[in-house]
Amino acid sequence: MKIAILGTGNLGYSIAVGLLTQDNFKLKNLYLTKRHTKALESWNKIPNVKISTDNKKAVRFSDVVIIAVQPNQLQEVLDEIKDLVNPKRHTIISVVTGRKIN
């Protein structure tokens, strides 16, 4: 499975840790995006984990997209990736508090 977490702040980071610590879960690639990736540099040492500021690239190379940005950033991220999302291929999960995606 190829997963992208768009917005790897506190919540996105916790989800990534949870995914990587599962014994019975096969993860082919995990893409972690953040506007400023300095805080994620230690993840570069983990096999199959990719760090980027490019949400579009992360979506392009993933099957599951977890959106974990701040509520005020949600619309901007949705507008950025909308042309890349394929309903037959992608599963979109939002963990953004207080906001709905359609």
Protein backbone atom coordinates (compact mmCIF):
# COMPACT_ATOMS: atom_id res chain seq x y z
CA MET A 1 0.00 0.00 0.00
CA LYS A 2 1.17 3.52 -0.83
CA ILE A 3 0.06 6.22 1.60
CA ALA A 4 0.52 9.98 1.62
CA ILE A 5 0.04 12.14 4.68
CA LEU A 6 -0.45 15.74 3.63
CA GLY A 7 0.43 17.94 6.56
CA THR A 8 2.74 16.02 8.84
CA GLY A 9 2.37 18.12 11.96
CA ASN A 10 1.47 16.61 15.33
CA LEU A 11 -1.50 14.56 14.14
CA GLY A 12 0.04 13.52 10.83
CA TYR A 13 3.23 12.55 12.65
CA SER A 14 1.28 10.37 15.09
CA ILE A 15 -0.53 8.64 12.24
CA ALA A 16 2.80 7.96 10.50
CA VAL A 17 4.30 6.47 13.66
CA GLY A 18 1.23 4.29 14.08
CA LEU A 19 1.44 3.02 10.51
CA LEU A 20 5.13 2.24 10.73
CA THR A 21 4.83 0.33 14.01
CA GLN A 22 2.18 -2.11 12.80
CA ASP A 23 3.57 -5.63 12.49
CA ASN A 24 0.84 -6.96 10.20
CA PHE A 25 0.71 -4.01 7.82
CA LYS A 26 2.59 -3.99 4.51
CA LEU A 27 3.56 -0.46 3.56
CA LYS A 28 5.17 -0.04 0.17
CA ASN A 29 5.72 3.73 0.42
CA LEU A 30 4.84 6.47 2.86
CA TYR A 31 4.96 10.04 1.61
CA LEU A 32 5.04 12.75 4.28
CA THR A 33 4.51 16.35 3.26
CA LYS A 34 4.94 19.54 5.20
CA ARG A 35 5.58 23.14 4.16
CA HIS A 36 8.84 23.14 6.13
CA THR A 37 10.41 19.68 6.15
CA LYS A 38 13.29 20.32 8.56
CA ALA A 39 11.36 18.70 11.43
CA LEU A 40 10.93 15.55 9.31
CA GLU A 41 14.58 15.04 8.29
CA SER A 42 15.07 12.07 10.64
CA TRP A 43 12.40 10.18 8.67
CA ASN A 44 14.69 10.15 5.61
CA LYS A 45 16.62 7.27 7.21
CA ILE A 46 13.56 5.00 7.24
CA PRO A 47 13.22 2.76 4.17
CA ASN A 48 10.22 3.52 1.94
CA VAL A 49 9.54 6.90 3.58
CA LYS A 50 9.68 9.95 1.34
CA ILE A 51 9.70 13.53 2.66
CA SER A 52 8.52 16.41 0.50
CA THR A 53 6.86 19.81 0.33
CA ASP A 54 5.09 18.69 -2.86
CA ASN A 55 1.52 17.55 -2.14
CA LYS A 56 0.85 16.86 -5.81
CA LYS A 57 3.77 14.46 -6.09
CA ALA A 58 2.67 12.68 -2.91
CA VAL A 59 -0.85 12.20 -4.28
CA ARG A 60 0.45 11.08 -7.67
CA PHE A 61 2.45 8.26 -6.10
CA SER A 62 -0.10 7.15 -3.48
CA ASP A 63 -3.30 5.13 -3.24
CA VAL A 64 -4.46 6.46 0.14
CA VAL A 65 -4.25 10.18 0.92
CA ILE A 66 -4.62 11.31 4.52
CA ILE A 67 -5.20 15.04 4.83
CA ALA A 68 -3.95 16.26 8.21
CA VAL A 69 -3.54 19.99 7.70
CA GLN A 70 -4.83 22.85 9.86
CA PRO A 71 -8.51 23.70 9.17
CA ASN A 72 -7.58 27.05 7.59
CA GLN A 73 -5.28 25.25 5.11
CA LEU A 74 -7.79 22.61 3.98
CA GLN A 75 -9.35 24.43 1.03
CA GLU A 76 -5.95 25.40 -0.35
CA VAL A 77 -4.74 21.78 -0.22
CA LEU A 78 -7.96 20.44 -1.75
CA ASP A 79 -7.70 22.97 -4.60
CA GLU A 80 -4.07 21.96 -5.12
CA ILE A 81 -4.74 18.22 -5.45
CA LYS A 82 -8.25 18.09 -6.93
CA ASP A 83 -7.11 17.49 -10.51
CA LEU A 84 -4.95 14.55 -9.42
CA VAL A 85 -7.49 12.66 -7.34
CA ASN A 86 -8.92 9.64 -9.14
CA PRO A 87 -11.96 8.19 -7.30
CA LYS A 88 -11.27 4.75 -8.79
CA ARG A 89 -7.74 4.73 -7.41
CA HIS A 90 -7.54 7.00 -4.39
CA THR A 91 -9.05 6.75 -0.95
CA ILE A 92 -9.14 10.17 0.70
CA ILE A 93 -9.23 10.44 4.49
CA SER A 94 -9.49 13.76 6.26
CA VAL A 95 -8.55 14.15 9.91
CA VAL A 96 -9.01 17.91 9.75
CA THR A 97 -11.06 19.04 12.74
CA GLY A 98 -14.33 20.84 12.26
CA ARG A 99 -14.32 20.69 8.44
CA LYS A 100 -16.05 18.48 5.87
CA ILE A 101 -14.75 17.48 2.47
CA ASN A 102 -17.08 16.60 -0.40
